[in-house]
Full PDB file with SEQRES, HELIX, SHEET, SSBOND, CRYST1, ORIGX, SCALE, CONECT and MASTER records, all heavy atoms in Angstrom:
SEQRES   1 A   31  MET LEU GLY ALA MET TYR ALA PRO SER ASP ASN LEU THR          
SEQRES   2 A   31  LEU MET ALA MET ALA SER VAL ILE SER ASN ASP MET ASP          
SEQRES   3 A   31  LEU VAL THR ARG MET                                          
SHEET    1 AA1 2 LEU A   2  TYR A   6  0                                        
SHEET    2 AA1 2 LEU A  14  ALA A  18 -1                                        
CRYST1    1.000    1.000    1.000  90.00  90.00  90.00 P 1           1          
ORIGX1      1.000000  0.000000  0.000000        0.00000                         
ORIGX2      0.000000  1.000000  0.000000        0.00000                         
ORIGX3      0.000000  0.000000  1.000000        0.00000                         
SCALE1      1.000000  0.000000  0.000000        0.00000                         
SCALE2      0.000000  1.000000  0.000000        0.00000                         
SCALE3      0.000000  0.000000  1.000000        0.00000                         
ATOM      1  N   MET A   1      -2.276  -0.092   5.073  1.00  0.00           N  
ATOM      2  CA  MET A   1      -2.194  -1.169   4.054  1.00  0.00           C  
ATOM      3  C   MET A   1      -2.891  -2.422   4.530  1.00  0.00           C  
ATOM      4  O   MET A   1      -2.638  -2.874   5.661  1.00  0.00           O  
ATOM      5  CB  MET A   1      -0.711  -1.446   3.736  1.00  0.00           C  
ATOM      6  CG  MET A   1       0.011  -0.337   3.060  1.00  0.00           C  
ATOM      7  SD  MET A   1       1.806  -0.566   3.051  1.00  0.00           S  
ATOM      8  CE  MET A   1       2.217   0.003   4.730  1.00  0.00           C  
ATOM      9  N   LEU A   2      -3.748  -2.970   3.706  1.00  0.00           N  
ATOM     10  CA  LEU A   2      -4.434  -4.222   3.963  1.00  0.00           C  
ATOM     11  C   LEU A   2      -3.924  -5.248   2.940  1.00  0.00           C  
ATOM     12  O   LEU A   2      -3.986  -4.995   1.750  1.00  0.00           O  
ATOM     13  CB  LEU A   2      -5.959  -4.075   3.919  1.00  0.00           C  
ATOM     14  CG  LEU A   2      -6.586  -3.253   4.993  1.00  0.00           C  
ATOM     15  CD1 LEU A   2      -8.076  -3.116   4.716  1.00  0.00           C  
ATOM     16  CD2 LEU A   2      -6.404  -3.933   6.379  1.00  0.00           C  
ATOM     17  N   GLY A   3      -3.412  -6.396   3.418  1.00  0.00           N  
ATOM     18  CA  GLY A   3      -2.909  -7.402   2.521  1.00  0.00           C  
ATOM     19  C   GLY A   3      -3.502  -8.754   2.725  1.00  0.00           C  
ATOM     20  O   GLY A   3      -3.969  -9.087   3.863  1.00  0.00           O  
ATOM     21  N   ALA A   4      -3.495  -9.570   1.706  1.00  0.00           N  
ATOM     22  CA  ALA A   4      -3.962 -10.956   1.777  1.00  0.00           C  
ATOM     23  C   ALA A   4      -3.051 -11.835   0.939  1.00  0.00           C  
ATOM     24  O   ALA A   4      -2.615 -11.425  -0.157  1.00  0.00           O  
ATOM     25  CB  ALA A   4      -5.411 -11.076   1.284  1.00  0.00           C  
ATOM     26  N   MET A   5      -2.742 -13.003   1.461  1.00  0.00           N  
ATOM     27  CA  MET A   5      -1.959 -13.973   0.752  1.00  0.00           C  
ATOM     28  C   MET A   5      -2.603 -15.338   0.819  1.00  0.00           C  
ATOM     29  O   MET A   5      -3.221 -15.706   1.840  1.00  0.00           O  
ATOM     30  CB  MET A   5      -0.503 -14.082   1.364  1.00  0.00           C  
ATOM     31  CG  MET A   5       0.254 -12.754   1.378  1.00  0.00           C  
ATOM     32  SD  MET A   5       1.880 -12.877   2.108  1.00  0.00           S  
ATOM     33  CE  MET A   5       2.826 -13.636   0.770  1.00  0.00           C  
ATOM     34  N   TYR A   6      -2.553 -16.094  -0.281  1.00  0.00           N  
ATOM     35  CA  TYR A   6      -3.128 -17.449  -0.334  1.00  0.00           C  
ATOM     36  C   TYR A   6      -2.209 -18.349  -1.195  1.00  0.00           C  
ATOM     37  O   TYR A   6      -1.788 -17.911  -2.254  1.00  0.00           O  
ATOM     38  CB  TYR A   6      -4.519 -17.468  -0.879  1.00  0.00           C  
ATOM     39  CG  TYR A   6      -5.103 -18.848  -1.098  1.00  0.00           C  
ATOM     40  CD1 TYR A   6      -5.404 -19.643   0.001  1.00  0.00           C  
ATOM     41  CD2 TYR A   6      -5.241 -19.359  -2.381  1.00  0.00           C  
ATOM     42  CE1 TYR A   6      -5.863 -20.959  -0.160  1.00  0.00           C  
ATOM     43  CE2 TYR A   6      -5.729 -20.657  -2.554  1.00  0.00           C  
ATOM     44  CZ  TYR A   6      -6.027 -21.431  -1.472  1.00  0.00           C  
ATOM     45  OH  TYR A   6      -6.450 -22.727  -1.631  1.00  0.00           O  
ATOM     46  N   ALA A   7      -1.995 -19.553  -0.704  1.00  0.00           N  
ATOM     47  CA  ALA A   7      -1.126 -20.470  -1.451  1.00  0.00           C  
ATOM     48  C   ALA A   7      -1.932 -21.610  -2.046  1.00  0.00           C  
ATOM     49  O   ALA A   7      -2.347 -22.517  -1.306  1.00  0.00           O  
ATOM     50  CB  ALA A   7      -0.063 -21.042  -0.498  1.00  0.00           C  
ATOM     51  N   PRO A   8      -2.192 -21.619  -3.323  1.00  0.00           N  
ATOM     52  CA  PRO A   8      -2.879 -22.759  -3.976  1.00  0.00           C  
ATOM     53  C   PRO A   8      -1.978 -23.971  -4.047  1.00  0.00           C  
ATOM     54  O   PRO A   8      -2.510 -25.069  -4.288  1.00  0.00           O  
ATOM     55  CB  PRO A   8      -3.232 -22.233  -5.339  1.00  0.00           C  
ATOM     56  CG  PRO A   8      -2.282 -21.141  -5.614  1.00  0.00           C  
ATOM     57  CD  PRO A   8      -1.968 -20.528  -4.279  1.00  0.00           C  
ATOM     58  N   SER A   9      -0.708 -23.816  -3.914  1.00  0.00           N  
ATOM     59  CA  SER A   9       0.210 -24.932  -3.903  1.00  0.00           C  
ATOM     60  C   SER A   9       1.417 -24.562  -2.998  1.00  0.00           C  
ATOM     61  O   SER A   9       1.555 -23.433  -2.606  1.00  0.00           O  
ATOM     62  CB  SER A   9       0.714 -25.302  -5.274  1.00  0.00           C  
ATOM     63  OG  SER A   9       1.623 -24.348  -5.741  1.00  0.00           O  
ATOM     64  N   ASP A  10       2.271 -25.549  -2.723  1.00  0.00           N  
ATOM     65  CA  ASP A  10       3.448 -25.257  -1.901  1.00  0.00           C  
ATOM     66  C   ASP A  10       4.428 -24.340  -2.623  1.00  0.00           C  
ATOM     67  O   ASP A  10       5.233 -23.641  -1.961  1.00  0.00           O  
ATOM     68  CB  ASP A  10       4.157 -26.561  -1.531  1.00  0.00           C  
ATOM     69  CG  ASP A  10       3.429 -27.325  -0.412  1.00  0.00           C  
ATOM     70  OD1 ASP A  10       2.699 -26.688   0.313  1.00  0.00           O  
ATOM     71  OD2 ASP A  10       3.696 -28.570  -0.299  1.00  0.00           O  
ATOM     72  N   ASN A  11       4.346 -24.298  -3.923  1.00  0.00           N  
ATOM     73  CA  ASN A  11       5.312 -23.479  -4.695  1.00  0.00           C  
ATOM     74  C   ASN A  11       4.788 -22.124  -5.093  1.00  0.00           C  
ATOM     75  O   ASN A  11       5.582 -21.236  -5.466  1.00  0.00           O  
ATOM     76  CB  ASN A  11       5.794 -24.253  -5.929  1.00  0.00           C  
ATOM     77  CG  ASN A  11       6.676 -25.405  -5.554  1.00  0.00           C  
ATOM     78  OD1 ASN A  11       7.408 -25.398  -4.570  1.00  0.00           O  
ATOM     79  ND2 ASN A  11       6.605 -26.483  -6.361  1.00  0.00           N  
ATOM     80  N   LEU A  12       3.496 -21.931  -5.056  1.00  0.00           N  
ATOM     81  CA  LEU A  12       2.914 -20.674  -5.570  1.00  0.00           C  
ATOM     82  C   LEU A  12       2.064 -20.025  -4.471  1.00  0.00           C  
ATOM     83  O   LEU A  12       1.174 -20.660  -3.877  1.00  0.00           O  
ATOM     84  CB  LEU A  12       2.041 -20.927  -6.777  1.00  0.00           C  
ATOM     85  CG  LEU A  12       1.315 -19.730  -7.341  1.00  0.00           C  
ATOM     86  CD1 LEU A  12       2.316 -18.686  -7.879  1.00  0.00           C  
ATOM     87  CD2 LEU A  12       0.323 -20.161  -8.434  1.00  0.00           C  
ATOM     88  N   THR A  13       2.354 -18.739  -4.200  1.00  0.00           N  
ATOM     89  CA  THR A  13       1.526 -17.937  -3.274  1.00  0.00           C  
ATOM     90  C   THR A  13       1.075 -16.692  -3.992  1.00  0.00           C  
ATOM     91  O   THR A  13       1.888 -16.005  -4.661  1.00  0.00           O  
ATOM     92  CB  THR A  13       2.411 -17.526  -2.034  1.00  0.00           C  
ATOM     93  OG1 THR A  13       2.801 -18.684  -1.324  1.00  0.00           O  
ATOM     94  CG2 THR A  13       1.638 -16.601  -1.140  1.00  0.00           C  
ATOM     95  N   LEU A  14      -0.204 -16.414  -3.898  1.00  0.00           N  
ATOM     96  CA  LEU A  14      -0.815 -15.228  -4.474  1.00  0.00           C  
ATOM     97  C   LEU A  14      -0.944 -14.113  -3.432  1.00  0.00           C  
ATOM     98  O   LEU A  14      -1.225 -14.403  -2.279  1.00  0.00           O  
ATOM     99  CB  LEU A  14      -2.168 -15.566  -5.061  1.00  0.00           C  
ATOM    100  CG  LEU A  14      -2.191 -16.720  -6.074  1.00  0.00           C  
ATOM    101  CD1 LEU A  14      -3.633 -16.962  -6.545  1.00  0.00           C  
ATOM    102  CD2 LEU A  14      -1.306 -16.414  -7.261  1.00  0.00           C  
ATOM    103  N   MET A  15      -0.690 -12.906  -3.856  1.00  0.00           N  
ATOM    104  CA  MET A  15      -0.672 -11.784  -2.868  1.00  0.00           C  
ATOM    105  C   MET A  15      -1.364 -10.571  -3.454  1.00  0.00           C  
ATOM    106  O   MET A  15      -1.222 -10.252  -4.625  1.00  0.00           O  
ATOM    107  CB  MET A  15       0.791 -11.451  -2.520  1.00  0.00           C  
ATOM    108  CG  MET A  15       0.913 -10.295  -1.510  1.00  0.00           C  
ATOM    109  SD  MET A  15       2.666 -10.054  -1.011  1.00  0.00           S  
ATOM    110  CE  MET A  15       3.352  -9.386  -2.545  1.00  0.00           C  
ATOM    111  N   ALA A  16      -2.156  -9.885  -2.599  1.00  0.00           N  
ATOM    112  CA  ALA A  16      -2.789  -8.641  -2.999  1.00  0.00           C  
ATOM    113  C   ALA A  16      -2.597  -7.628  -1.872  1.00  0.00           C  
ATOM    114  O   ALA A  16      -2.700  -7.980  -0.686  1.00  0.00           O  
ATOM    115  CB  ALA A  16      -4.289  -8.831  -3.298  1.00  0.00           C  
ATOM    116  N   MET A  17      -2.410  -6.372  -2.251  1.00  0.00           N  
ATOM    117  CA  MET A  17      -2.196  -5.314  -1.238  1.00  0.00           C  
ATOM    118  C   MET A  17      -2.961  -4.045  -1.678  1.00  0.00           C  
ATOM    119  O   MET A  17      -2.764  -3.534  -2.778  1.00  0.00           O  
ATOM    120  CB  MET A  17      -0.736  -4.997  -1.077  1.00  0.00           C  
ATOM    121  CG  MET A  17      -0.421  -3.838  -0.110  1.00  0.00           C  
ATOM    122  SD  MET A  17      -0.695  -4.323   1.618  1.00  0.00           S  
ATOM    123  CE  MET A  17       0.673  -5.425   1.892  1.00  0.00           C  
ATOM    124  N   ALA A  18      -3.861  -3.576  -0.808  1.00  0.00           N  
ATOM    125  CA  ALA A  18      -4.606  -2.374  -1.020  1.00  0.00           C  
ATOM    126  C   ALA A  18      -4.158  -1.327   0.022  1.00  0.00           C  
ATOM    127  O   ALA A  18      -3.696  -1.705   1.144  1.00  0.00           O  
ATOM    128  CB  ALA A  18      -6.101  -2.579  -0.925  1.00  0.00           C  
ATOM    129  N   SER A  19      -4.286  -0.044  -0.251  1.00  0.00           N  
ATOM    130  CA  SER A  19      -3.829   0.974   0.659  1.00  0.00           C  
ATOM    131  C   SER A  19      -4.687   2.186   0.672  1.00  0.00           C  
ATOM    132  O   SER A  19      -5.377   2.486  -0.316  1.00  0.00           O  
ATOM    133  CB  SER A  19      -2.413   1.368   0.332  1.00  0.00           C  
ATOM    134  OG  SER A  19      -2.314   1.940  -0.988  1.00  0.00           O  
ATOM    135  N   VAL A  20      -4.688   2.928   1.762  1.00  0.00           N  
ATOM    136  CA  VAL A  20      -5.287   4.274   1.875  1.00  0.00           C  
ATOM    137  C   VAL A  20      -4.199   5.206   2.294  1.00  0.00           C  
ATOM    138  O   VAL A  20      -3.462   4.956   3.255  1.00  0.00           O  
ATOM    139  CB  VAL A  20      -6.429   4.295   2.921  1.00  0.00           C  
ATOM    140  CG1 VAL A  20      -6.959   5.682   3.096  1.00  0.00           C  
ATOM    141  CG2 VAL A  20      -7.554   3.331   2.508  1.00  0.00           C  
ATOM    142  N   ILE A  21      -4.009   6.297   1.549  1.00  0.00           N  
ATOM    143  CA  ILE A  21      -2.870   7.174   1.693  1.00  0.00           C  
ATOM    144  C   ILE A  21      -3.378   8.611   2.034  1.00  0.00           C  
ATOM    145  O   ILE A  21      -4.377   9.078   1.435  1.00  0.00           O  
ATOM    146  CB  ILE A  21      -2.038   7.211   0.416  1.00  0.00           C  
ATOM    147  CG1 ILE A  21      -1.511   5.806   0.097  1.00  0.00           C  
ATOM    148  CG2 ILE A  21      -0.846   8.192   0.596  1.00  0.00           C  
ATOM    149  CD1 ILE A  21      -0.832   5.690  -1.248  1.00  0.00           C  
ATOM    150  N   SER A  22      -2.689   9.272   2.897  1.00  0.00           N  
ATOM    151  CA  SER A  22      -2.966  10.708   3.165  1.00  0.00           C  
ATOM    152  C   SER A  22      -1.649  11.471   3.147  1.00  0.00           C  
ATOM    153  O   SER A  22      -0.643  11.032   3.768  1.00  0.00           O  
ATOM    154  CB  SER A  22      -3.717  10.913   4.455  1.00  0.00           C  
ATOM    155  OG  SER A  22      -2.954  10.433   5.548  1.00  0.00           O  
ATOM    156  N   ASN A  23      -1.598  12.599   2.426  1.00  0.00           N  
ATOM    157  CA  ASN A  23      -0.415  13.397   2.355  1.00  0.00           C  
ATOM    158  C   ASN A  23      -0.720  14.839   2.855  1.00  0.00           C  
ATOM    159  O   ASN A  23      -1.822  15.359   2.612  1.00  0.00           O  
ATOM    160  CB  ASN A  23       0.026  13.575   0.855  1.00  0.00           C  
ATOM    161  CG  ASN A  23       0.442  12.238   0.238  1.00  0.00           C  
ATOM    162  OD1 ASN A  23       1.123  11.444   0.865  1.00  0.00           O  
ATOM    163  ND2 ASN A  23      -0.041  12.018  -0.983  1.00  0.00           N  
ATOM    164  N   ASP A  24       0.261  15.417   3.543  1.00  0.00           N  
ATOM    165  CA  ASP A  24       0.138  16.787   4.000  1.00  0.00           C  
ATOM    166  C   ASP A  24       1.446  17.487   3.755  1.00  0.00           C  
ATOM    167  O   ASP A  24       2.534  16.950   4.058  1.00  0.00           O  
ATOM    168  CB  ASP A  24      -0.181  16.825   5.504  1.00  0.00           C  
ATOM    169  CG  ASP A  24      -1.563  16.275   5.822  1.00  0.00           C  
ATOM    170  OD1 ASP A  24      -2.523  17.022   5.689  1.00  0.00           O  
ATOM    171  OD2 ASP A  24      -1.653  15.112   6.229  1.00  0.00           O  
ATOM    172  N   MET A  25       1.360  18.701   3.184  1.00  0.00           N  
ATOM    173  CA  MET A  25       2.588  19.467   2.881  1.00  0.00           C  
ATOM    174  C   MET A  25       2.398  20.921   3.381  1.00  0.00           C  
ATOM    175  O   MET A  25       1.368  21.528   3.155  1.00  0.00           O  
ATOM    176  CB  MET A  25       2.869  19.499   1.405  1.00  0.00           C  
ATOM    177  CG  MET A  25       4.174  20.238   1.049  1.00  0.00           C  
ATOM    178  SD  MET A  25       4.568  20.288  -0.755  1.00  0.00           S  
ATOM    179  CE  MET A  25       5.130  18.585  -0.964  1.00  0.00           C  
ATOM    180  N   ASP A  26       3.414  21.412   4.089  1.00  0.00           N  
ATOM    181  CA  ASP A  26       3.474  22.764   4.541  1.00  0.00           C  
ATOM    182  C   ASP A  26       4.386  23.550   3.623  1.00  0.00           C  
ATOM    183  O   ASP A  26       5.527  23.115   3.304  1.00  0.00           O  
ATOM    184  CB  ASP A  26       3.990  22.895   5.976  1.00  0.00           C  
ATOM    185  CG  ASP A  26       3.012  22.262   6.975  1.00  0.00           C  
ATOM    186  OD1 ASP A  26       1.824  22.175   6.681  1.00  0.00           O  
ATOM    187  OD2 ASP A  26       3.475  21.808   8.038  1.00  0.00           O  
ATOM    188  N   LEU A  27       3.947  24.774   3.192  1.00  0.00           N  
ATOM    189  CA  LEU A  27       4.729  25.556   2.250  1.00  0.00           C  
ATOM    190  C   LEU A  27       4.742  27.046   2.679  1.00  0.00           C  
ATOM    191  O   LEU A  27       3.951  27.440   3.557  1.00  0.00           O  
ATOM    192  CB  LEU A  27       4.112  25.441   0.826  1.00  0.00           C  
ATOM    193  CG  LEU A  27       3.865  24.028   0.293  1.00  0.00           C  
ATOM    194  CD1 LEU A  27       2.402  23.656   0.461  1.00  0.00           C  
ATOM    195  CD2 LEU A  27       4.286  23.948  -1.211  1.00  0.00           C  
ATOM    196  N   VAL A  28       5.615  27.838   2.021  1.00  0.00           N  
ATOM    197  CA  VAL A  28       5.644  29.252   2.298  1.00  0.00           C  
ATOM    198  C   VAL A  28       5.892  29.966   0.971  1.00  0.00           C  
ATOM    199  O   VAL A  28       6.588  29.501   0.041  1.00  0.00           O  
ATOM    200  CB  VAL A  28       6.789  29.569   3.320  1.00  0.00           C  
ATOM    201  CG1 VAL A  28       8.153  29.206   2.725  1.00  0.00           C  
ATOM    202  CG2 VAL A  28       6.739  31.028   3.721  1.00  0.00           C  
ATOM    203  N   THR A  29       5.260  31.155   0.819  1.00  0.00           N  
ATOM    204  CA  THR A  29       5.422  31.948  -0.403  1.00  0.00           C  
ATOM    205  C   THR A  29       6.547  32.948  -0.269  1.00  0.00           C  
ATOM    206  O   THR A  29       7.092  33.154   0.798  1.00  0.00           O  
ATOM    207  CB  THR A  29       4.107  32.691  -0.704  1.00  0.00           C  
ATOM    208  OG1 THR A  29       3.923  33.723   0.307  1.00  0.00           O  
ATOM    209  CG2 THR A  29       2.901  31.780  -0.682  1.00  0.00           C  
ATOM    210  N   ARG A  30       6.884  33.615  -1.347  1.00  0.00           N  
ATOM    211  CA  ARG A  30       7.900  34.662  -1.338  1.00  0.00           C  
ATOM    212  C   ARG A  30       7.526  35.816  -0.416  1.00  0.00           C  
ATOM    213  O   ARG A  30       8.382  36.492   0.155  1.00  0.00           O  
ATOM    214  CB  ARG A  30       8.113  35.217  -2.770  1.00  0.00           C  
ATOM    215  CG  ARG A  30       9.026  34.383  -3.614  1.00  0.00           C  
ATOM    216  CD  ARG A  30       9.261  35.037  -4.954  1.00  0.00           C  
ATOM    217  NE  ARG A  30      10.163  34.236  -5.800  1.00  0.00           N  
ATOM    218  CZ  ARG A  30      10.442  34.522  -7.034  1.00  0.00           C  
ATOM    219  NH1 ARG A  30       9.915  35.620  -7.607  1.00  0.00           N  
ATOM    220  NH2 ARG A  30      11.276  33.774  -7.737  1.00  0.00           N  
ATOM    221  N   MET A  31       6.233  35.990  -0.232  1.00  0.00           N  
ATOM    222  CA  MET A  31       5.732  37.054   0.659  1.00  0.00           C  
ATOM    223  C   MET A  31       5.736  36.637   2.119  1.00  0.00           C  
ATOM    224  O   MET A  31       5.329  37.418   3.003  1.00  0.00           O  
ATOM    225  CB  MET A  31       4.320  37.477   0.242  1.00  0.00           C  
ATOM    226  CG  MET A  31       4.191  37.925  -1.230  1.00  0.00           C  
ATOM    227  SD  MET A  31       5.291  39.310  -1.627  1.00  0.00           S  
ATOM    228  CE  MET A  31       4.522  40.601  -0.586  1.00  0.00           C  
TER     229      MET A  31                                                      
MASTER        0    0    0    0    2    0    0    6  228    1    0    3          
END                                                                             
């Protein structure tokens, strides 16, 4: 995850978050 935050004022902060995801699953059949 890569994130960035910036505050244009003391009361408001803007935030963005991008991500790269990888999934792996192990399975078995009836056979």
